[in-house]
Amino acid sequence: MKTSLLHPWHEDAGARFALFAGFDTPIQYPSGAVEAHRLCRRSVGLFAIDPMGQVIISGKGAAEALSKLVSAAILDTKPQEARYALLLNEAGGVIDDLFIYRTDYTAIHGDAWMVVVNAGNREKDVACFQEQLPAEVSIEAISEETYMIAVQSPRAVELLDALTGKAVSALPLTHIQATTIQGIPVLIARTGYTGEGGVTCLPSLPGNSIYAGKRRSPIAVLTKGWP
């Protein structure tokens, strides 16, 4: 059974765990499911999506090659934009659904894209990229080095604005930008599936020291003292 980088935090918070997509996944906390539901409806909910996979696809011709594998048009994507897409097989069947981000990583690696895939399909999706993309395109699976948190519900933007200097409310939907949460580097993406206001917190860059001391992470900052 796999565990995510945030597993120790969930343990310290008293979570109950169950197997999901091969991961030991938190499903309930001591306050109970009813109170968790009420918090999500009136305040802020943090969703443990850390097992989802992140892949950096970069190099000469990366955009053109990636665009041939997905259902969405990405060649006109501007910096800090994101697109929702389906990863397709050679017959046009669906392998997975994913988000494709053009991030500040591009400034370092040229033509570079961050692709977020579902937890249960991490290995399958990477194998598809390795099989279908040309040799000159780099494929870097960074899931084991990174974390991922969804912050959703009615007061999510209010909370993150307070922690980032109003970086979130100024960010359009389906966009992403680099920022910090009390000194911790993150990418904030206005993407998600819930229909509520909110964001996804993604790793800033692979290899960054995201954790300090006892696995310091944005989740500890986000939950401190919030009603």
C-alpha atoms as a PDB file:
ATOM      1  CA  MET A   1       0.000   0.000   0.000  1.00  0.00           C
ATOM      2  CA  LYS A   2       1.313   3.422  -0.963  1.00  0.00           C
ATOM      3  CA  THR A   3       1.299   6.562   1.165  1.00  0.00           C
ATOM      4  CA  SER A   4       1.527  10.214   0.135  1.00  0.00           C
ATOM      5  CA  LEU A   5       3.916  12.828   1.483  1.00  0.00           C
ATOM      6  CA  LEU A   6       1.116  14.300   3.606  1.00  0.00           C
ATOM      7  CA  HIS A   7       0.295  10.963   5.254  1.00  0.00           C
ATOM      8  CA  PRO A   8       2.077  11.897   8.543  1.00  0.00           C
ATOM      9  CA  TRP A   9      -0.029  15.065   8.838  1.00  0.00           C
ATOM     10  CA  HIS A  10      -3.251  13.082   8.423  1.00  0.00           C
ATOM     11  CA  GLU A  11      -2.051  10.580  11.039  1.00  0.00           C
ATOM     12  CA  ASP A  12      -1.341  13.397  13.499  1.00  0.00           C
ATOM     13  CA  ALA A  13      -4.836  14.778  12.837  1.00  0.00           C
ATOM     14  CA  GLY A  14      -6.370  11.437  13.872  1.00  0.00           C
ATOM     15  CA  ALA A  15      -7.614  10.392  10.446  1.00  0.00           C
ATOM     16  CA  ARG A  16      -9.143   7.033   9.660  1.00  0.00           C
ATOM     17  CA  PHE A  17      -7.731   5.523   6.481  1.00  0.00           C
ATOM     18  CA  ALA A  18      -8.986   3.245   3.707  1.00  0.00           C
ATOM     19  CA  LEU A  19      -7.488   1.913   0.490  1.00  0.00           C
ATOM     20  CA  PHE A  20      -8.151   4.059  -2.593  1.00  0.00           C
ATOM     21  CA  ALA A  21      -6.320   3.713  -5.920  1.00  0.00           C
ATOM     22  CA  GLY A  22      -3.570   1.807  -4.128  1.00  0.00           C
ATOM     23  CA  PHE A  23      -3.062   4.530  -1.491  1.00  0.00           C
ATOM     24  CA  ASP A  24      -3.731   4.584   2.244  1.00  0.00           C
ATOM     25  CA  THR A  25      -6.200   7.471   2.020  1.00  0.00           C
ATOM     26  CA  PRO A  26      -7.757   9.543   4.854  1.00  0.00           C
ATOM     27  CA  ILE A  27     -11.553   9.224   4.823  1.00  0.00           C
ATOM     28  CA  GLN A  28     -12.673  10.598   8.199  1.00  0.00           C
ATOM     29  CA  TYR A  29     -11.407  12.661  11.140  1.00  0.00           C
ATOM     30  CA  PRO A  30     -12.376  12.664  14.845  1.00  0.00           C
ATOM     31  CA  SER A  31     -15.012  15.393  14.363  1.00  0.00           C
ATOM     32  CA  GLY A  32     -17.000  12.972  12.187  1.00  0.00           C
ATOM     33  CA  ALA A  33     -18.488  12.976   8.704  1.00  0.00           C
ATOM     34  CA  VAL A  34     -21.481  15.191   9.566  1.00  0.00           C
ATOM     35  CA  GLU A  35     -19.325  18.000  10.978  1.00  0.00           C
ATOM     36  CA  ALA A  36     -16.930  17.684   8.033  1.00  0.00           C
ATOM     37  CA  HIS A  37     -19.905  18.148   5.701  1.00  0.00           C
ATOM     38  CA  ARG A  38     -21.099  21.193   7.642  1.00  0.00           C
ATOM     39  CA  LEU A  39     -17.641  22.758   7.578  1.00  0.00           C
ATOM     40  CA  CYS A  40     -17.463  22.289   3.815  1.00  0.00           C
ATOM     41  CA  ARG A  41     -20.855  23.959   3.390  1.00  0.00           C
ATOM     42  CA  ARG A  42     -20.277  26.954   5.682  1.00  0.00           C
ATOM     43  CA  SER A  43     -16.523  27.508   5.660  1.00  0.00           C
ATOM     44  CA  VAL A  44     -13.628  25.683   3.971  1.00  0.00           C
ATOM     45  CA  GLY A  45     -12.965  22.078   3.062  1.00  0.00           C
ATOM     46  CA  LEU A  46      -9.501  20.640   2.451  1.00  0.00           C
ATOM     47  CA  PHE A  47      -9.482  17.597   0.208  1.00  0.00           C
ATOM     48  CA  ALA A  48      -6.656  15.054   0.295  1.00  0.00           C
ATOM     49  CA  ILE A  49      -5.823  14.702  -3.404  1.00  0.00           C
ATOM     50  CA  ASP A  50      -2.107  14.202  -2.791  1.00  0.00           C
ATOM     51  CA  PRO A  51      -2.091  10.770  -4.535  1.00  0.00           C
ATOM     52  CA  MET A  52      -2.900  12.404  -7.882  1.00  0.00           C
ATOM     53  CA  GLY A  53       0.047  12.352 -10.251  1.00  0.00           C
ATOM     54  CA  GLN A  54       2.061  15.214 -11.689  1.00  0.00           C
ATOM     55  CA  VAL A  55       4.167  14.912 -14.845  1.00  0.00           C
ATOM     56  CA  ILE A  56       6.403  17.566 -16.415  1.00  0.00           C
ATOM     57  CA  ILE A  57       6.561  17.276 -20.199  1.00  0.00           C
ATOM     58  CA  SER A  58       9.205  19.527 -21.729  1.00  0.00           C
ATOM     59  CA  GLY A  59      11.687  19.983 -24.525  1.00  0.00           C
ATOM     60  CA  LYS A  60      11.634  20.934 -28.178  1.00  0.00           C
ATOM     61  CA  GLY A  61       8.252  20.238 -29.728  1.00  0.00           C
ATOM     62  CA  ALA A  62       6.632  19.233 -26.434  1.00  0.00           C
ATOM     63  CA  ALA A  63       3.442  21.208 -27.036  1.00  0.00           C
ATOM     64  CA  GLU A  64       2.874  19.850 -30.531  1.00  0.00           C
ATOM     65  CA  ALA A  65       3.566  16.276 -29.452  1.00  0.00           C
ATOM     66  CA  LEU A  66       1.358  16.485 -26.352  1.00  0.00           C
ATOM     67  CA  SER A  67      -1.479  18.100 -28.296  1.00  0.00           C
ATOM     68  CA  LYS A  68      -1.728  14.985 -30.481  1.00  0.00           C
ATOM     69  CA  LEU A  69      -2.514  12.811 -27.450  1.00  0.00           C
ATOM     70  CA  VAL A  70      -5.276  14.890 -25.839  1.00  0.00           C
ATOM     71  CA  SER A  71      -8.780  16.039 -26.742  1.00  0.00           C
ATOM     72  CA  ALA A  72      -8.350  19.753 -25.965  1.00  0.00           C
ATOM     73  CA  ALA A  73      -6.583  22.384 -28.050  1.00  0.00           C
ATOM     74  CA  ILE A  74      -3.476  23.434 -26.086  1.00  0.00           C
ATOM     75  CA  LEU A  75      -1.258  25.109 -28.695  1.00  0.00           C
ATOM     76  CA  ASP A  76      -2.912  28.488 -28.059  1.00  0.00           C
ATOM     77  CA  THR A  77      -2.575  28.167 -24.272  1.00  0.00           C
ATOM     78  CA  LYS A  78      -0.989  31.290 -22.807  1.00  0.00           C
ATOM     79  CA  PRO A  79       1.387  31.323 -19.813  1.00  0.00           C
ATOM     80  CA  GLN A  80      -0.477  30.640 -16.533  1.00  0.00           C
ATOM     81  CA  GLU A  81      -3.462  29.089 -18.341  1.00  0.00           C
ATOM     82  CA  ALA A  82      -4.833  25.579 -17.812  1.00  0.00           C
ATOM     83  CA  ARG A  83      -6.925  23.273 -19.959  1.00  0.00           C
ATOM     84  CA  TYR A  84      -9.059  20.299 -18.995  1.00  0.00           C
ATOM     85  CA  ALA A  85      -8.594  17.427 -21.459  1.00  0.00           C
ATOM     86  CA  LEU A  86      -8.939  13.711 -22.069  1.00  0.00           C
ATOM     87  CA  LEU A  87      -5.876  11.557 -22.718  1.00  0.00           C
ATOM     88  CA  LEU A  88      -6.721   9.397 -25.727  1.00  0.00           C
ATOM     89  CA  ASN A  89      -5.457   6.119 -27.138  1.00  0.00           C
ATOM     90  CA  GLU A  90      -4.767   5.535 -30.826  1.00  0.00           C
ATOM     91  CA  ALA A  91      -8.406   4.556 -31.450  1.00  0.00           C
ATOM     92  CA  GLY A  92      -9.727   7.723 -29.819  1.00  0.00           C
ATOM     93  CA  GLY A  93     -10.776   5.947 -26.633  1.00  0.00           C
ATOM     94  CA  VAL A  94     -10.338   7.613 -23.249  1.00  0.00           C
ATOM     95  CA  ILE A  95      -7.364   6.594 -21.081  1.00  0.00           C
ATOM     96  CA  ASP A  96      -7.809   9.278 -18.406  1.00  0.00           C
ATOM     97  CA  ASP A  97      -9.043  12.813 -17.792  1.00  0.00           C
ATOM     98  CA  LEU A  98      -6.462  15.384 -16.758  1.00  0.00           C
ATOM     99  CA  PHE A  99      -5.528  19.024 -16.360  1.00  0.00           C
ATOM    100  CA  ILE A 100      -2.725  20.525 -18.438  1.00  0.00           C
ATOM    101  CA  TYR A 101      -1.008  23.630 -17.020  1.00  0.00           C
ATOM    102  CA  ARG A 102       1.351  26.041 -18.723  1.00  0.00           C
ATOM    103  CA  THR A 103       3.248  27.274 -15.675  1.00  0.00           C
ATOM    104  CA  ASP A 104       6.311  29.282 -14.675  1.00  0.00           C
ATOM    105  CA  TYR A 105       8.234  26.020 -15.082  1.00  0.00           C
ATOM    106  CA  THR A 106       8.279  26.994 -18.770  1.00  0.00           C
ATOM    107  CA  ALA A 107      10.638  29.879 -17.981  1.00  0.00           C
ATOM    108  CA  ILE A 108      13.247  27.385 -16.775  1.00  0.00           C
ATOM    109  CA  HIS A 109      12.771  24.479 -19.180  1.00  0.00           C
ATOM    110  CA  GLY A 110      11.500  26.244 -22.295  1.00  0.00           C
ATOM    111  CA  ASP A 111       8.477  24.478 -23.793  1.00  0.00           C
ATOM    112  CA  ALA A 112       7.240  22.813 -20.590  1.00  0.00           C
ATOM    113  CA  TRP A 113       3.855  21.655 -19.326  1.00  0.00           C
ATOM    114  CA  MET A 114       2.624  20.247 -16.028  1.00  0.00           C
ATOM    115  CA  VAL A 115       0.067  17.491 -16.494  1.00  0.00           C
ATOM    116  CA  VAL A 116      -2.000  16.357 -13.496  1.00  0.00           C
ATOM    117  CA  VAL A 117      -3.420  12.841 -13.792  1.00  0.00           C
ATOM    118  CA  ASN A 118      -5.686  10.692 -11.628  1.00  0.00           C
ATOM    119  CA  ALA A 119      -4.209   8.643  -8.800  1.00  0.00           C
ATOM    120  CA  GLY A 120      -5.293   5.266 -10.148  1.00  0.00           C
ATOM    121  CA  ASN A 121      -3.834   5.979 -13.597  1.00  0.00           C
ATOM    122  CA  ARG A 122      -0.435   7.440 -12.735  1.00  0.00           C
ATOM    123  CA  GLU A 123       1.671   4.581 -14.067  1.00  0.00           C
ATOM    124  CA  LYS A 124      -0.602   3.948 -17.056  1.00  0.00           C
ATOM    125  CA  ASP A 125      -0.558   7.600 -18.137  1.00  0.00           C
ATOM    126  CA  VAL A 126       3.219   7.923 -17.806  1.00  0.00           C
ATOM    127  CA  ALA A 127       3.622   4.726 -19.843  1.00  0.00           C
ATOM    128  CA  CYS A 128       1.398   6.228 -22.544  1.00  0.00           C
ATOM    129  CA  PHE A 129       3.513   9.384 -22.654  1.00  0.00           C
ATOM    130  CA  GLN A 130       6.723   7.348 -22.833  1.00  0.00           C
ATOM    131  CA  GLU A 131       5.351   5.225 -25.655  1.00  0.00           C
ATOM    132  CA  GLN A 132       3.746   7.969 -27.734  1.00  0.00           C
ATOM    133  CA  LEU A 133       5.922  11.061 -27.285  1.00  0.00           C
ATOM    134  CA  PRO A 134       9.115  11.447 -29.376  1.00  0.00           C
ATOM    135  CA  ALA A 135      12.520  10.814 -27.815  1.00  0.00           C
ATOM    136  CA  GLU A 136      13.488  14.498 -27.761  1.00  0.00           C
ATOM    137  CA  VAL A 137      10.579  15.285 -25.421  1.00  0.00           C
ATOM    138  CA  SER A 138      11.427  14.898 -21.734  1.00  0.00           C
ATOM    139  CA  ILE A 139       8.943  13.135 -19.438  1.00  0.00           C
ATOM    140  CA  GLU A 140       9.552  13.721 -15.726  1.00  0.00           C
ATOM    141  CA  ALA A 141       7.199  12.014 -13.272  1.00  0.00           C
ATOM    142  CA  ILE A 142       7.427  14.081 -10.072  1.00  0.00           C
ATOM    143  CA  SER A 143       4.526  12.602  -8.095  1.00  0.00           C
ATOM    144  CA  GLU A 144       6.748  11.017  -5.445  1.00  0.00           C
ATOM    145  CA  GLU A 145       8.359  14.384  -4.653  1.00  0.00           C
ATOM    146  CA  THR A 146       5.294  16.569  -4.444  1.00  0.00           C
ATOM    147  CA  TYR A 147       2.014  17.220  -2.656  1.00  0.00           C
ATOM    148  CA  MET A 148      -1.408  18.332  -3.847  1.00  0.00           C
ATOM    149  CA  ILE A 149      -4.320  19.808  -1.864  1.00  0.00           C
ATOM    150  CA  ALA A 150      -7.751  20.986  -3.025  1.00  0.00           C
ATOM    151  CA  VAL A 151      -9.124  23.920  -1.026  1.00  0.00           C
ATOM    152  CA  GLN A 152     -12.829  24.275  -1.795  1.00  0.00           C
ATOM    153  CA  SER A 153     -16.122  25.585  -0.350  1.00  0.00           C
ATOM    154  CA  PRO A 154     -17.685  29.052   0.111  1.00  0.00           C
ATOM    155  CA  ARG A 155     -14.845  30.716   2.087  1.00  0.00           C
ATOM    156  CA  ALA A 156     -11.897  29.062   0.324  1.00  0.00           C
ATOM    157  CA  VAL A 157     -10.901  32.133  -1.671  1.00  0.00           C
ATOM    158  CA  GLU A 158     -11.263  34.342   1.430  1.00  0.00           C
ATOM    159  CA  LEU A 159      -8.927  32.068   3.390  1.00  0.00           C
ATOM    160  CA  LEU A 160      -6.287  31.872   0.680  1.00  0.00           C
ATOM    161  CA  ASP A 161      -6.448  35.606  -0.004  1.00  0.00           C
ATOM    162  CA  ALA A 162      -5.646  36.181   3.673  1.00  0.00           C
ATOM    163  CA  LEU A 163      -2.603  33.918   3.388  1.00  0.00           C
ATOM    164  CA  THR A 164      -1.318  35.068  -0.014  1.00  0.00           C
ATOM    165  CA  GLY A 165      -2.022  38.801  -0.101  1.00  0.00           C
ATOM    166  CA  LYS A 166      -5.170  38.425  -2.246  1.00  0.00           C
ATOM    167  CA  ALA A 167      -3.342  36.456  -4.929  1.00  0.00           C
ATOM    168  CA  VAL A 168      -6.285  34.090  -5.407  1.00  0.00           C
ATOM    169  CA  SER A 169      -9.242  36.433  -5.973  1.00  0.00           C
ATOM    170  CA  ALA A 170      -7.158  38.278  -8.587  1.00  0.00           C
ATOM    171  CA  LEU A 171      -6.511  35.029 -10.484  1.00  0.00           C
ATOM    172  CA  PRO A 172      -9.023  34.179 -13.252  1.00  0.00           C
ATOM    173  CA  LEU A 173     -10.640  30.759 -13.442  1.00  0.00           C
ATOM    174  CA  THR A 174      -8.579  28.042 -15.202  1.00  0.00           C
ATOM    175  CA  HIS A 175      -5.374  29.972 -14.482  1.00  0.00           C
ATOM    176  CA  ILE A 176      -2.369  29.166 -12.322  1.00  0.00           C
ATOM    177  CA  GLN A 177       0.376  31.220 -10.688  1.00  0.00           C
ATOM    178  CA  ALA A 178       3.310  30.793  -8.320  1.00  0.00           C
ATOM    179  CA  THR A 179       2.979  32.269  -4.842  1.00  0.00           C
ATOM    180  CA  THR A 180       3.840  31.464  -1.244  1.00  0.00           C
ATOM    181  CA  ILE A 181       1.780  30.499   1.793  1.00  0.00           C
ATOM    182  CA  GLN A 182       3.705  31.835   4.798  1.00  0.00           C
ATOM    183  CA  GLY A 183       7.005  31.229   3.038  1.00  0.00           C
ATOM    184  CA  ILE A 184       6.072  27.858   1.518  1.00  0.00           C
ATOM    185  CA  PRO A 185       6.318  27.887  -2.306  1.00  0.00           C
ATOM    186  CA  VAL A 186       3.194  26.653  -4.077  1.00  0.00           C
ATOM    187  CA  LEU A 187       1.366  26.936  -7.345  1.00  0.00           C
ATOM    188  CA  ILE A 188      -2.225  28.110  -6.903  1.00  0.00           C
ATOM    189  CA  ALA A 189      -4.589  26.910  -9.634  1.00  0.00           C
ATOM    190  CA  ARG A 190      -8.196  28.064 -10.076  1.00  0.00           C
ATOM    191  CA  THR A 191      -9.211  24.616 -11.248  1.00  0.00           C
ATOM    192  CA  GLY A 192     -11.406  21.946  -9.694  1.00  0.00           C
ATOM    193  CA  TYR A 193     -14.500  19.802 -10.087  1.00  0.00           C
ATOM    194  CA  THR A 194     -16.795  20.776  -7.206  1.00  0.00           C
ATOM    195  CA  GLY A 195     -18.572  23.821  -8.634  1.00  0.00           C
ATOM    196  CA  GLU A 196     -17.665  25.839  -5.538  1.00  0.00           C
ATOM    197  CA  GLY A 197     -15.124  28.611  -5.358  1.00  0.00           C
ATOM    198  CA  GLY A 198     -11.666  27.388  -4.535  1.00  0.00           C
ATOM    199  CA  VAL A 199      -8.285  26.307  -5.784  1.00  0.00           C
ATOM    200  CA  THR A 200      -5.855  23.477  -6.128  1.00  0.00           C
ATOM    201  CA  CYS A 201      -2.489  23.866  -4.374  1.00  0.00           C
ATOM    202  CA  LEU A 202       0.253  22.235  -6.412  1.00  0.00           C
ATOM    203  CA  PRO A 203       3.993  21.876  -5.942  1.00  0.00           C
ATOM    204  CA  SER A 204       6.038  24.867  -7.005  1.00  0.00           C
ATOM    205  CA  LEU A 205       9.013  23.150  -8.645  1.00  0.00           C
ATOM    206  CA  PRO A 206      10.426  19.647  -8.287  1.00  0.00           C
ATOM    207  CA  GLY A 207      13.230  19.491  -5.780  1.00  0.00           C
ATOM    208  CA  ASN A 208      12.166  22.592  -3.846  1.00  0.00           C
ATOM    209  CA  SER A 209      12.316  22.262  -0.081  1.00  0.00           C
ATOM    210  CA  ILE A 210       8.565  22.262   0.481  1.00  0.00           C
ATOM    211  CA  TYR A 211       8.824  20.561   3.862  1.00  0.00           C
ATOM    212  CA  ALA A 212      10.805  22.029   6.739  1.00  0.00           C
ATOM    213  CA  GLY A 213      11.069  20.823  10.301  1.00  0.00           C
ATOM    214  CA  LYS A 214       8.390  18.232  10.960  1.00  0.00           C
ATOM    215  CA  ARG A 215       7.082  17.990   7.385  1.00  0.00           C
ATOM    216  CA  ARG A 216       5.811  21.566   7.314  1.00  0.00           C
ATOM    217  CA  SER A 217       3.232  22.020   4.561  1.00  0.00           C
ATOM    218  CA  PRO A 218       0.488  24.460   3.553  1.00  0.00           C
ATOM    219  CA  ILE A 219      -2.158  22.156   5.017  1.00  0.00           C
ATOM    220  CA  ALA A 220      -0.963  22.932   8.557  1.00  0.00           C
ATOM    221  CA  VAL A 221      -1.085  26.666   7.846  1.00  0.00           C
ATOM    222  CA  LEU A 222      -4.492  26.456   6.170  1.00  0.00           C
ATOM    223  CA  THR A 223      -6.153  24.655   9.065  1.00  0.00           C
ATOM    224  CA  LYS A 224      -4.758  26.712  11.942  1.00  0.00           C
ATOM    225  CA  GLY A 225      -7.472  28.655  13.715  1.00  0.00           C
ATOM    226  CA  TRP A 226      -9.960  28.705  10.843  1.00  0.00           C
ATOM    227  CA  PRO A 227     -13.645  28.335  11.807  1.00  0.00           C
END
